[in-house]
Amino acid sequence: MSAPDRRSRFPASQARKGGRSGDAPLAIVERPATLVQVTARKGRQAELAAAIGKALALELPEAGRVATAADKTALWLQPGSWLIEAPAGQRRVLPASLTQALNGIAAVVDQSHGRCIIEISGAEARAVLARLCRLDLHERAFAVGDSAATLVGHVSCLIHRADGETTCFRLLVGSTFAEWLLDEITAAAASYGWSFNSAGEAAA
């Protein structure tokens, strides 16, 4: 197996397309990102929300939701804990700036290498995910900005519905499980066809 791109969790030999040929295959993209988890210290959740609002102009969402402002997104993880997503180019800056801004208020942990974002989009995105998880992902039940922790295939993920011209979902997964998850998705998408771009290609 060839070595992975330094920005990617996948080997250079990873297949870039497969399944049935069609006009609109499922698009699968590994999204490069800076990921920082912030967890409020006991009794300081309100201070954390205020500090994040001041530092990032970002509102921390309630359970089951995500919030976006400019180039940053906050995802609810559990009571008192959120994941801040920002462009990959902020990996050296954002963790340090949040550590300073949240000193004494929250624990700050850089998760950029520990987690991976896989985005799937296209007309059949919901149909493919329906083969892999038990969530009702119809837009009436799971709207843009909704999120949930669930199993996708056999892999634990945090999934949220993103805004876009076509149906789009983002799956947050532990980096060590990323290849396994991709295998599950491509198998489920075989009857529709699929394409894949790694983080290095997505950033290019």
N, C-alpha and C. Protein backbone atom coordinates (compact mmCIF):
# COMPACT_ATOMS: atom_id res chain seq x y z
N MET A 1 0.85 -1.20 0.00
CA MET A 1 0.00 0.00 0.00
C MET A 1 0.88 1.24 0.00
N SER A 2 0.56 2.18 -0.87
CA SER A 2 1.39 3.37 -0.98
C SER A 2 1.10 4.32 0.18
N ALA A 3 2.05 5.22 0.40
CA ALA A 3 1.94 6.15 1.54
C ALA A 3 0.85 7.16 1.29
N PRO A 4 0.16 7.62 2.36
CA PRO A 4 -0.89 8.62 2.20
C PRO A 4 -0.30 10.00 1.95
N ASP A 5 -1.07 10.82 1.28
CA ASP A 5 -0.74 12.23 1.19
C ASP A 5 -0.70 12.79 2.61
N ARG A 6 0.22 13.70 2.90
CA ARG A 6 0.36 14.20 4.27
C ARG A 6 -0.89 14.93 4.75
N ARG A 7 -1.73 15.38 3.82
CA ARG A 7 -2.97 16.04 4.21
C ARG A 7 -4.14 15.07 4.28
N SER A 8 -3.92 13.82 3.85
CA SER A 8 -5.01 12.87 3.69
C SER A 8 -4.88 11.67 4.61
N ARG A 9 -6.02 11.06 4.95
CA ARG A 9 -6.03 9.81 5.73
C ARG A 9 -6.01 8.60 4.82
N PHE A 10 -5.96 8.82 3.50
CA PHE A 10 -6.09 7.73 2.54
C PHE A 10 -4.82 7.57 1.72
N PRO A 11 -4.48 6.33 1.34
CA PRO A 11 -3.29 6.09 0.53
C PRO A 11 -3.45 6.63 -0.88
N ALA A 12 -2.34 6.94 -1.51
CA ALA A 12 -2.38 7.44 -2.88
C ALA A 12 -3.00 6.44 -3.84
N SER A 13 -2.98 5.15 -3.46
CA SER A 13 -3.54 4.10 -4.30
C SER A 13 -5.05 3.96 -4.16
N GLN A 14 -5.67 4.76 -3.30
CA GLN A 14 -7.11 4.68 -3.10
C GLN A 14 -7.84 4.91 -4.42
N ALA A 15 -8.81 4.03 -4.73
CA ALA A 15 -9.58 4.16 -5.97
C ALA A 15 -10.29 5.51 -5.99
N ARG A 16 -10.37 6.11 -7.19
CA ARG A 16 -10.97 7.42 -7.33
C ARG A 16 -12.39 7.37 -7.92
N LYS A 17 -12.80 6.23 -8.41
CA LYS A 17 -14.18 6.08 -8.89
C LYS A 17 -14.51 4.60 -8.97
N GLY A 18 -15.82 4.33 -9.01
CA GLY A 18 -16.23 2.94 -9.07
C GLY A 18 -17.73 2.81 -9.19
N GLY A 19 -18.17 1.58 -9.22
CA GLY A 19 -19.60 1.30 -9.33
C GLY A 19 -20.12 1.54 -10.73
N ARG A 20 -21.41 1.64 -10.83
CA ARG A 20 -22.09 1.80 -12.11
C ARG A 20 -21.77 3.15 -12.73
N SER A 21 -21.57 3.15 -14.05
CA SER A 21 -21.34 4.42 -14.75
C SER A 21 -22.67 5.15 -14.91
N GLY A 22 -22.65 6.44 -14.65
CA GLY A 22 -23.87 7.23 -14.78
C GLY A 22 -23.55 8.70 -14.93
N ASP A 23 -24.61 9.49 -15.15
CA ASP A 23 -24.42 10.92 -15.36
C ASP A 23 -24.19 11.68 -14.06
N ALA A 24 -24.66 11.13 -12.94
CA ALA A 24 -24.57 11.85 -11.68
C ALA A 24 -24.15 10.90 -10.55
N PRO A 25 -22.87 10.50 -10.55
CA PRO A 25 -22.42 9.61 -9.48
C PRO A 25 -22.37 10.33 -8.14
N LEU A 26 -22.38 9.55 -7.08
CA LEU A 26 -22.24 10.11 -5.75
C LEU A 26 -20.85 10.71 -5.62
N ALA A 27 -20.76 11.96 -5.15
CA ALA A 27 -19.47 12.61 -4.96
C ALA A 27 -19.05 12.43 -3.50
N ILE A 28 -17.88 11.84 -3.29
CA ILE A 28 -17.33 11.61 -1.96
C ILE A 28 -16.03 12.40 -1.86
N VAL A 29 -15.93 13.27 -0.86
CA VAL A 29 -14.77 14.15 -0.74
C VAL A 29 -14.27 14.13 0.69
N GLU A 30 -12.97 13.92 0.85
CA GLU A 30 -12.34 14.08 2.17
C GLU A 30 -12.03 15.56 2.33
N ARG A 31 -12.68 16.21 3.30
CA ARG A 31 -12.53 17.64 3.47
C ARG A 31 -11.39 17.96 4.44
N PRO A 32 -10.34 18.62 3.99
CA PRO A 32 -9.28 19.03 4.91
C PRO A 32 -9.81 20.11 5.85
N ALA A 33 -9.45 20.03 7.12
CA ALA A 33 -9.99 21.00 8.07
C ALA A 33 -9.13 21.08 9.32
N THR A 34 -9.24 22.20 10.00
CA THR A 34 -8.73 22.34 11.36
C THR A 34 -9.89 22.01 12.29
N LEU A 35 -9.65 21.12 13.24
CA LEU A 35 -10.70 20.67 14.15
C LEU A 35 -10.21 20.82 15.59
N VAL A 36 -10.93 21.61 16.37
CA VAL A 36 -10.53 21.88 17.75
C VAL A 36 -11.72 21.63 18.67
N GLN A 37 -11.54 20.76 19.64
CA GLN A 37 -12.60 20.49 20.61
C GLN A 37 -12.44 21.41 21.81
N VAL A 38 -13.55 22.02 22.22
CA VAL A 38 -13.56 22.87 23.41
C VAL A 38 -14.58 22.32 24.39
N THR A 39 -14.17 22.15 25.64
CA THR A 39 -15.05 21.59 26.67
C THR A 39 -15.04 22.50 27.89
N ALA A 40 -16.21 23.00 28.24
CA ALA A 40 -16.31 23.95 29.35
C ALA A 40 -15.91 23.31 30.67
N ARG A 41 -15.19 24.06 31.48
CA ARG A 41 -14.92 23.61 32.84
C ARG A 41 -16.21 23.75 33.65
N LYS A 42 -16.28 23.05 34.75
CA LYS A 42 -17.51 22.97 35.53
C LYS A 42 -18.06 24.36 35.86
N GLY A 43 -19.32 24.54 35.50
CA GLY A 43 -20.00 25.79 35.80
C GLY A 43 -19.64 26.96 34.92
N ARG A 44 -18.89 26.72 33.83
CA ARG A 44 -18.41 27.86 33.04
C ARG A 44 -18.89 27.80 31.58
N GLN A 45 -19.97 27.09 31.34
CA GLN A 45 -20.48 26.95 29.99
C GLN A 45 -20.92 28.29 29.40
N ALA A 46 -21.58 29.11 30.20
CA ALA A 46 -22.02 30.41 29.70
C ALA A 46 -20.83 31.29 29.35
N GLU A 47 -19.76 31.22 30.15
CA GLU A 47 -18.55 31.98 29.86
C GLU A 47 -17.89 31.49 28.58
N LEU A 48 -17.93 30.17 28.39
CA LEU A 48 -17.37 29.61 27.15
C LEU A 48 -18.12 30.14 25.94
N ALA A 49 -19.45 30.10 26.00
CA ALA A 49 -20.25 30.58 24.87
C ALA A 49 -19.94 32.05 24.58
N ALA A 50 -19.82 32.85 25.63
CA ALA A 50 -19.52 34.27 25.43
C ALA A 50 -18.13 34.47 24.84
N ALA A 51 -17.15 33.69 25.31
CA ALA A 51 -15.78 33.82 24.83
C ALA A 51 -15.66 33.40 23.37
N ILE A 52 -16.35 32.33 23.00
CA ILE A 52 -16.33 31.89 21.60
C ILE A 52 -16.99 32.94 20.72
N GLY A 53 -18.08 33.51 21.20
CA GLY A 53 -18.74 34.56 20.45
C GLY A 53 -17.83 35.75 20.22
N LYS A 54 -17.06 36.12 21.24
CA LYS A 54 -16.14 37.25 21.12
C LYS A 54 -14.95 36.93 20.23
N ALA A 55 -14.39 35.73 20.38
CA ALA A 55 -13.17 35.38 19.64
C ALA A 55 -13.44 35.02 18.18
N LEU A 56 -14.57 34.35 17.93
CA LEU A 56 -14.83 33.81 16.59
C LEU A 56 -16.10 34.35 15.95
N ALA A 57 -16.87 35.18 16.67
CA ALA A 57 -18.17 35.64 16.19
C ALA A 57 -19.05 34.45 15.81
N LEU A 58 -18.99 33.41 16.66
CA LEU A 58 -19.67 32.15 16.39
C LEU A 58 -20.52 31.78 17.58
N GLU A 59 -21.75 31.39 17.33
CA GLU A 59 -22.66 30.98 18.39
C GLU A 59 -22.56 29.47 18.58
N LEU A 60 -22.40 29.02 19.82
CA LEU A 60 -22.36 27.59 20.09
C LEU A 60 -23.78 27.02 20.00
N PRO A 61 -23.99 25.98 19.19
CA PRO A 61 -25.35 25.47 18.97
C PRO A 61 -25.83 24.59 20.10
N GLU A 62 -27.13 24.37 20.12
CA GLU A 62 -27.74 23.46 21.07
C GLU A 62 -27.55 22.02 20.60
N ALA A 63 -27.97 21.08 21.42
CA ALA A 63 -27.83 19.66 21.08
C ALA A 63 -28.50 19.34 19.75
N GLY A 64 -27.80 18.55 18.93
CA GLY A 64 -28.36 18.12 17.65
C GLY A 64 -28.31 19.15 16.55
N ARG A 65 -27.51 20.20 16.74
CA ARG A 65 -27.43 21.24 15.72
C ARG A 65 -25.98 21.64 15.48
N VAL A 66 -25.75 22.30 14.35
CA VAL A 66 -24.47 22.93 14.07
C VAL A 66 -24.74 24.40 13.80
N ALA A 67 -23.71 25.23 13.97
CA ALA A 67 -23.84 26.66 13.69
C ALA A 67 -22.63 27.10 12.89
N THR A 68 -22.86 27.97 11.91
CA THR A 68 -21.78 28.43 11.03
C THR A 68 -21.75 29.95 10.98
N ALA A 69 -20.55 30.51 11.01
CA ALA A 69 -20.35 31.95 10.82
C ALA A 69 -19.05 32.13 10.05
N ALA A 70 -19.15 32.81 8.92
CA ALA A 70 -17.98 33.03 8.05
C ALA A 70 -17.37 31.67 7.68
N ASP A 71 -16.08 31.45 8.04
CA ASP A 71 -15.40 30.22 7.63
C ASP A 71 -15.30 29.19 8.76
N LYS A 72 -16.10 29.34 9.80
CA LYS A 72 -16.03 28.42 10.93
C LYS A 72 -17.39 27.82 11.25
N THR A 73 -17.37 26.58 11.74
CA THR A 73 -18.58 25.87 12.12
C THR A 73 -18.38 25.25 13.49
N ALA A 74 -19.42 25.31 14.31
CA ALA A 74 -19.40 24.66 15.62
C ALA A 74 -20.38 23.50 15.61
N LEU A 75 -19.94 22.34 16.06
CA LEU A 75 -20.77 21.15 16.13
C LEU A 75 -20.91 20.73 17.59
N TRP A 76 -22.14 20.51 18.02
CA TRP A 76 -22.39 20.04 19.38
C TRP A 76 -21.94 18.59 19.49
N LEU A 77 -21.14 18.26 20.51
CA LEU A 77 -20.68 16.90 20.72
C LEU A 77 -21.40 16.23 21.89
N GLN A 78 -21.47 16.93 23.00
CA GLN A 78 -22.10 16.44 24.21
C GLN A 78 -22.28 17.64 25.14
N PRO A 79 -23.03 17.49 26.25
CA PRO A 79 -23.23 18.65 27.11
C PRO A 79 -21.91 19.32 27.50
N GLY A 80 -21.80 20.61 27.19
CA GLY A 80 -20.62 21.39 27.54
C GLY A 80 -19.44 21.23 26.61
N SER A 81 -19.61 20.52 25.49
CA SER A 81 -18.48 20.25 24.60
C SER A 81 -18.88 20.42 23.14
N TRP A 82 -18.03 21.13 22.40
CA TRP A 82 -18.27 21.39 20.98
C TRP A 82 -16.99 21.18 20.18
N LEU A 83 -17.16 20.95 18.89
CA LEU A 83 -16.03 20.86 17.98
C LEU A 83 -16.08 22.07 17.05
N ILE A 84 -14.98 22.80 16.98
CA ILE A 84 -14.89 23.96 16.08
C ILE A 84 -14.15 23.52 14.82
N GLU A 85 -14.81 23.71 13.67
CA GLU A 85 -14.21 23.37 12.38
C GLU A 85 -13.84 24.66 11.65
N ALA A 86 -12.62 24.69 11.12
CA ALA A 86 -12.13 25.86 10.38
C ALA A 86 -11.29 25.36 9.20
N PRO A 87 -10.94 26.23 8.27
CA PRO A 87 -10.11 25.81 7.14
C PRO A 87 -8.80 25.19 7.59
N ALA A 88 -8.28 24.26 6.80
CA ALA A 88 -7.07 23.53 7.15
C ALA A 88 -5.88 24.46 7.37
N GLY A 89 -5.87 25.59 6.70
CA GLY A 89 -4.76 26.53 6.84
C GLY A 89 -4.64 27.17 8.21
N GLN A 90 -5.64 26.97 9.07
CA GLN A 90 -5.61 27.56 10.41
C GLN A 90 -5.11 26.60 11.48
N ARG A 91 -4.53 25.47 11.08
CA ARG A 91 -4.12 24.45 12.06
C ARG A 91 -3.06 24.95 13.04
N ARG A 92 -2.22 25.84 12.62
CA ARG A 92 -1.18 26.33 13.54
C ARG A 92 -1.67 27.50 14.38
N VAL A 93 -2.72 28.18 13.91
CA VAL A 93 -3.16 29.40 14.57
C VAL A 93 -4.34 29.18 15.51
N LEU A 94 -5.37 28.47 15.04
CA LEU A 94 -6.61 28.39 15.81
C LEU A 94 -6.46 27.70 17.17
N PRO A 95 -5.81 26.54 17.27
CA PRO A 95 -5.68 25.93 18.61
C PRO A 95 -4.99 26.84 19.61
N ALA A 96 -3.94 27.52 19.17
CA ALA A 96 -3.21 28.41 20.08
C ALA A 96 -4.06 29.61 20.48
N SER A 97 -4.79 30.19 19.53
CA SER A 97 -5.59 31.36 19.85
C SER A 97 -6.75 31.00 20.78
N LEU A 98 -7.35 29.81 20.58
CA LEU A 98 -8.44 29.39 21.47
C LEU A 98 -7.92 29.04 22.86
N THR A 99 -6.75 28.44 22.92
CA THR A 99 -6.15 28.14 24.22
C THR A 99 -5.98 29.41 25.03
N GLN A 100 -5.53 30.47 24.37
CA GLN A 100 -5.34 31.75 25.05
C GLN A 100 -6.68 32.38 25.42
N ALA A 101 -7.63 32.38 24.49
CA ALA A 101 -8.91 33.04 24.72
C ALA A 101 -9.76 32.33 25.77
N LEU A 102 -9.56 31.01 25.91
CA LEU A 102 -10.40 30.21 26.81
C LEU A 102 -9.64 29.76 28.06
N ASN A 103 -8.53 30.40 28.33
CA ASN A 103 -7.73 30.04 29.50
C ASN A 103 -8.57 30.11 30.78
N GLY A 104 -8.63 28.99 31.51
CA GLY A 104 -9.40 28.92 32.74
C GLY A 104 -10.88 28.68 32.56
N ILE A 105 -11.35 28.76 31.31
CA ILE A 105 -12.78 28.59 31.02
C ILE A 105 -13.08 27.21 30.46
N ALA A 106 -12.17 26.72 29.59
CA ALA A 106 -12.44 25.46 28.89
C ALA A 106 -11.14 24.74 28.56
N ALA A 107 -11.25 23.43 28.41
CA ALA A 107 -10.15 22.63 27.89
C ALA A 107 -10.18 22.72 26.37
N VAL A 108 -9.02 22.87 25.76
CA VAL A 108 -8.91 23.00 24.30
C VAL A 108 -8.01 21.89 23.78
N VAL A 109 -8.52 21.08 22.84
CA VAL A 109 -7.76 19.95 22.31
C VAL A 109 -7.80 19.98 20.79
N ASP A 110 -6.63 20.00 20.16
CA ASP A 110 -6.55 19.97 18.70
C ASP A 110 -6.86 18.55 18.22
N GLN A 111 -7.93 18.40 17.45
CA GLN A 111 -8.36 17.10 16.93
C GLN A 111 -8.13 16.97 15.43
N SER A 112 -7.34 17.87 14.87
CA SER A 112 -7.18 17.90 13.42
C SER A 112 -6.61 16.61 12.85
N HIS A 113 -5.73 15.95 13.59
CA HIS A 113 -5.17 14.70 13.11
C HIS A 113 -5.97 13.49 13.58
N GLY A 114 -6.76 13.68 14.63
CA GLY A 114 -7.48 12.56 15.21
C GLY A 114 -8.82 12.28 14.56
N ARG A 115 -9.33 13.24 13.81
CA ARG A 115 -10.63 13.07 13.17
C ARG A 115 -10.56 13.45 11.70
N CYS A 116 -11.54 12.99 10.96
CA CYS A 116 -11.56 13.17 9.51
C CYS A 116 -12.99 13.52 9.10
N ILE A 117 -13.13 14.40 8.11
CA ILE A 117 -14.44 14.75 7.57
C ILE A 117 -14.59 14.16 6.17
N ILE A 118 -15.62 13.35 6.00
CA ILE A 118 -15.95 12.81 4.69
C ILE A 118 -17.30 13.38 4.27
N GLU A 119 -17.31 14.04 3.15
CA GLU A 119 -18.54 14.66 2.64
C GLU A 119 -19.08 13.84 1.49
N ILE A 120 -20.37 13.58 1.52
CA ILE A 120 -21.00 12.91 0.38
C ILE A 120 -22.14 13.78 -0.12
N SER A 121 -22.24 13.91 -1.43
CA SER A 121 -23.27 14.77 -2.00
C SER A 121 -23.74 14.21 -3.33
N GLY A 122 -24.91 14.64 -3.72
CA GLY A 122 -25.50 14.20 -4.97
C GLY A 122 -26.94 13.79 -4.78
N ALA A 123 -27.61 13.55 -5.87
CA ALA A 123 -29.03 13.22 -5.83
C ALA A 123 -29.33 11.97 -5.02
N GLU A 124 -28.39 11.04 -4.98
CA GLU A 124 -28.62 9.78 -4.28
C GLU A 124 -27.92 9.69 -2.93
N ALA A 125 -27.44 10.82 -2.42
CA ALA A 125 -26.71 10.79 -1.15
C ALA A 125 -27.56 10.23 -0.02
N ARG A 126 -28.80 10.67 0.07
CA ARG A 126 -29.67 10.18 1.15
C ARG A 126 -29.98 8.70 0.97
N ALA A 127 -30.18 8.27 -0.26
CA ALA A 127 -30.49 6.86 -0.52
C ALA A 127 -29.31 5.97 -0.13
N VAL A 128 -28.10 6.43 -0.40
CA VAL A 128 -26.92 5.65 -0.03
C VAL A 128 -26.80 5.54 1.49
N LEU A 129 -26.96 6.67 2.18
CA LEU A 129 -26.86 6.64 3.63
C LEU A 129 -27.98 5.82 4.26
N ALA A 130 -29.15 5.78 3.62
CA ALA A 130 -30.26 4.98 4.15
C ALA A 130 -29.91 3.49 4.18
N ARG A 131 -28.98 3.08 3.34
CA ARG A 131 -28.52 1.69 3.34
C ARG A 131 -27.55 1.41 4.48
N LEU A 132 -27.06 2.46 5.10
CA LEU A 132 -25.98 2.30 6.08
C LEU A 132 -26.35 2.73 7.50
N CYS A 133 -27.38 3.52 7.67
CA CYS A 133 -27.74 3.97 9.03
C CYS A 133 -29.25 4.01 9.20
N ARG A 134 -29.68 4.05 10.46
CA ARG A 134 -31.10 3.98 10.77
C ARG A 134 -31.77 5.33 10.94
N LEU A 135 -31.02 6.40 10.81
CA LEU A 135 -31.62 7.72 10.93
C LEU A 135 -32.56 8.01 9.77
N ASP A 136 -33.62 8.73 10.05
CA ASP A 136 -34.48 9.26 9.00
C ASP A 136 -33.83 10.54 8.50
N LEU A 137 -33.26 10.48 7.31
CA LEU A 137 -32.51 11.62 6.78
C LEU A 137 -33.30 12.45 5.78
N HIS A 138 -34.60 12.20 5.69
CA HIS A 138 -35.42 13.05 4.83
C HIS A 138 -35.36 14.48 5.36
N GLU A 139 -35.40 15.43 4.45
CA GLU A 139 -35.24 16.83 4.85
C GLU A 139 -36.32 17.29 5.83
N ARG A 140 -37.47 16.62 5.85
CA ARG A 140 -38.50 16.97 6.83
C ARG A 140 -38.09 16.58 8.24
N ALA A 141 -37.27 15.53 8.36
CA ALA A 141 -36.85 15.04 9.68
C ALA A 141 -35.43 15.45 10.03
N PHE A 142 -34.61 15.72 9.02
CA PHE A 142 -33.19 16.01 9.23
C PHE A 142 -32.81 17.14 8.28
N ALA A 143 -32.99 18.36 8.76
CA ALA A 143 -32.83 19.53 7.91
C ALA A 143 -31.38 20.01 7.89
N VAL A 144 -31.10 20.97 7.01
CA VAL A 144 -29.78 21.60 6.99
C VAL A 144 -29.48 22.17 8.37
N GLY A 145 -28.30 21.83 8.91
CA GLY A 145 -27.92 22.28 10.23
C GLY A 145 -28.20 21.28 11.34
N ASP A 146 -28.93 20.20 11.03
CA ASP A 146 -29.15 19.15 12.01
C ASP A 146 -27.95 18.23 12.08
N SER A 147 -27.71 17.63 13.23
CA SER A 147 -26.62 16.68 13.38
C SER A 147 -27.03 15.57 14.34
N ALA A 148 -26.34 14.44 14.25
CA ALA A 148 -26.64 13.32 15.14
C ALA A 148 -25.46 12.36 15.15
N ALA A 149 -25.25 11.73 16.28
CA ALA A 149 -24.25 10.67 16.38
C ALA A 149 -24.94 9.36 16.04
N THR A 150 -24.33 8.57 15.17
CA THR A 150 -24.96 7.33 14.73
C THR A 150 -23.90 6.39 14.16
N LEU A 151 -24.31 5.15 13.92
CA LEU A 151 -23.46 4.21 13.18
C LEU A 151 -23.75 4.35 11.70
N VAL A 152 -22.72 4.48 10.90
CA VAL A 152 -22.84 4.44 9.45
C VAL A 152 -22.11 3.17 9.02
N GLY A 153 -22.89 2.19 8.58
CA GLY A 153 -22.31 0.86 8.43
C GLY A 153 -21.98 0.34 9.82
N HIS A 154 -20.70 0.08 10.03
CA HIS A 154 -20.24 -0.37 11.34
C HIS A 154 -19.35 0.66 12.03
N VAL A 155 -19.38 1.89 11.53
CA VAL A 155 -18.48 2.93 12.02
C VAL A 155 -19.26 4.03 12.72
N SER A 156 -18.81 4.41 13.91
CA SER A 156 -19.45 5.48 14.67
C SER A 156 -19.08 6.83 14.07
N CYS A 157 -20.09 7.65 13.79
CA CYS A 157 -19.87 8.95 13.15
C CYS A 157 -20.76 10.02 13.79
N LEU A 158 -20.35 11.26 13.59
CA LEU A 158 -21.23 12.40 13.81
C LEU A 158 -21.59 12.91 12.43
N ILE A 159 -22.87 12.87 12.10
CA ILE A 159 -23.30 13.26 10.76
C ILE A 159 -24.11 14.54 10.84
N HIS A 160 -23.88 15.43 9.89
CA HIS A 160 -24.74 16.61 9.81
C HIS A 160 -25.03 16.95 8.37
N ARG A 161 -26.18 17.56 8.20
CA ARG A 161 -26.61 17.94 6.85
C ARG A 161 -26.10 19.34 6.55
N ALA A 162 -25.36 19.45 5.47
CA ALA A 162 -24.76 20.73 5.09
C ALA A 162 -25.59 21.39 4.00
N ASP A 163 -25.42 22.69 3.88
CA ASP A 163 -26.11 23.46 2.84
C ASP A 163 -25.37 23.26 1.53
N GLY A 164 -26.10 23.25 0.44
CA GLY A 164 -25.47 23.08 -0.86
C GLY A 164 -26.51 23.02 -1.97
N GLU A 165 -26.04 23.08 -3.20
CA GLU A 165 -26.94 23.03 -4.34
C GLU A 165 -27.58 21.66 -4.48
N THR A 166 -26.86 20.61 -4.06
CA THR A 166 -27.40 19.26 -4.06
C THR A 166 -27.42 18.74 -2.62
N THR A 167 -28.11 17.65 -2.40
CA THR A 167 -28.16 17.04 -1.07
C THR A 167 -26.75 16.72 -0.61
N CYS A 168 -26.40 17.16 0.59
CA CYS A 168 -25.02 17.05 1.06
C CYS A 168 -25.00 16.72 2.54
N PHE A 169 -24.21 15.70 2.90
CA PHE A 169 -24.02 15.31 4.29
C PHE A 169 -22.52 15.26 4.58
N ARG A 170 -22.16 15.64 5.80
CA ARG A 170 -20.78 15.53 6.26
C ARG A 170 -20.70 14.56 7.42
N LEU A 171 -19.74 13.66 7.34
CA LEU A 171 -19.55 12.64 8.36
C LEU A 171 -18.22 12.87 9.06
N LEU A 172 -18.26 13.04 10.35
CA LEU A 172 -17.06 13.22 11.16
C LEU A 172 -16.72 11.88 11.79
N VAL A 173 -15.52 11.40 11.55
CA VAL A 173 -15.15 10.05 11.98
C VAL A 173 -13.72 10.07 12.50
N GLY A 174 -13.41 9.16 13.41
CA GLY A 174 -12.03 9.01 13.86
C GLY A 174 -11.14 8.65 12.69
N SER A 175 -9.96 9.26 12.61
CA SER A 175 -9.08 9.08 11.46
C SER A 175 -8.74 7.62 11.19
N THR A 176 -8.58 6.83 12.26
CA THR A 176 -8.20 5.43 12.07
C THR A 176 -9.33 4.60 11.45
N PHE A 177 -10.55 5.14 11.45
CA PHE A 177 -11.68 4.42 10.87
C PHE A 177 -12.09 4.97 9.50
N ALA A 178 -11.36 5.96 9.00
CA ALA A 178 -11.76 6.64 7.77
C ALA A 178 -11.79 5.70 6.56
N GLU A 179 -10.76 4.87 6.40
CA GLU A 179 -10.74 3.96 5.26
C GLU A 179 -11.88 2.95 5.33
N TRP A 180 -12.15 2.45 6.53
CA TRP A 180 -13.25 1.52 6.74
C TRP A 180 -14.57 2.17 6.34
N LEU A 181 -14.78 3.40 6.78
CA LEU A 181 -16.01 4.11 6.44
C LEU A 181 -16.13 4.32 4.94
N LEU A 182 -15.05 4.71 4.29
CA LEU A 182 -15.09 4.91 2.85
C LEU A 182 -15.45 3.62 2.13
N ASP A 183 -14.90 2.51 2.58
CA ASP A 183 -15.25 1.22 1.97
C ASP A 183 -16.74 0.94 2.11
N GLU A 184 -17.31 1.24 3.27
CA GLU A 184 -18.74 1.02 3.49
C GLU A 184 -19.56 1.90 2.54
N ILE A 185 -19.17 3.16 2.39
CA ILE A 185 -19.92 4.08 1.54
C ILE A 185 -19.84 3.68 0.08
N THR A 186 -18.64 3.36 -0.39
CA THR A 186 -18.51 3.02 -1.82
C THR A 186 -19.25 1.72 -2.15
N ALA A 187 -19.28 0.78 -1.22
CA ALA A 187 -20.04 -0.46 -1.46
C ALA A 187 -21.53 -0.16 -1.57
N ALA A 188 -22.02 0.72 -0.69
CA ALA A 188 -23.44 1.08 -0.71
C ALA A 188 -23.80 1.90 -1.95
N ALA A 189 -22.82 2.61 -2.51
CA ALA A 189 -23.07 3.49 -3.65
C ALA A 189 -22.79 2.82 -4.99
N ALA A 190 -22.43 1.55 -4.99
CA ALA A 190 -22.01 0.88 -6.22
C ALA A 190 -23.08 0.92 -7.30
N SER A 191 -24.34 0.81 -6.92
CA SER A 191 -25.40 0.77 -7.93
C SER A 191 -25.66 2.14 -8.55
N TYR A 192 -25.13 3.20 -7.95
CA TYR A 192 -25.30 4.55 -8.49
C TYR A 192 -24.03 5.07 -9.17
N GLY A 193 -22.90 4.51 -8.78
CA GLY A 193 -21.61 5.03 -9.21
C GLY A 193 -21.13 6.08 -8.22
N TRP A 194 -19.81 6.22 -8.12
CA TRP A 194 -19.26 7.17 -7.16
C TRP A 194 -17.90 7.68 -7.63
N SER A 195 -17.53 8.85 -7.12
CA SER A 195 -16.19 9.40 -7.33
C SER A 195 -15.64 9.82 -5.99
N PHE A 196 -14.32 9.82 -5.85
CA PHE A 196 -13.70 10.18 -4.57
C PHE A 196 -12.52 11.12 -4.80
N ASN A 197 -12.45 12.17 -3.98
CA ASN A 197 -11.32 13.08 -3.96
C ASN A 197 -10.76 13.14 -2.55
N SER A 198 -9.45 12.98 -2.43
CA SER A 198 -8.81 13.03 -1.13
C SER A 198 -8.61 14.47 -0.69
N ALA A 199 -8.16 14.65 0.57
CA ALA A 199 -7.95 15.98 1.11
C ALA A 199 -6.97 16.79 0.27
N GLY A 200 -5.90 16.15 -0.19
CA GLY A 200 -4.92 16.85 -0.99
C GLY A 200 -5.52 17.39 -2.28
N GLU A 201 -6.39 16.58 -2.90
CA GLU A 201 -7.05 17.02 -4.14
C GLU A 201 -8.09 18.07 -3.85
N ALA A 202 -8.82 17.91 -2.73
CA ALA A 202 -9.86 18.89 -2.38
C ALA A 202 -9.25 20.25 -2.07
N ALA A 203 -8.02 20.24 -1.52
CA ALA A 203 -7.38 21.50 -1.17
C ALA A 203 -6.71 22.16 -2.35
N ALA A 204 -6.49 21.40 -3.41
CA ALA A 204 -5.76 21.92 -4.57
C ALA A 204 -6.58 22.96 -5.33
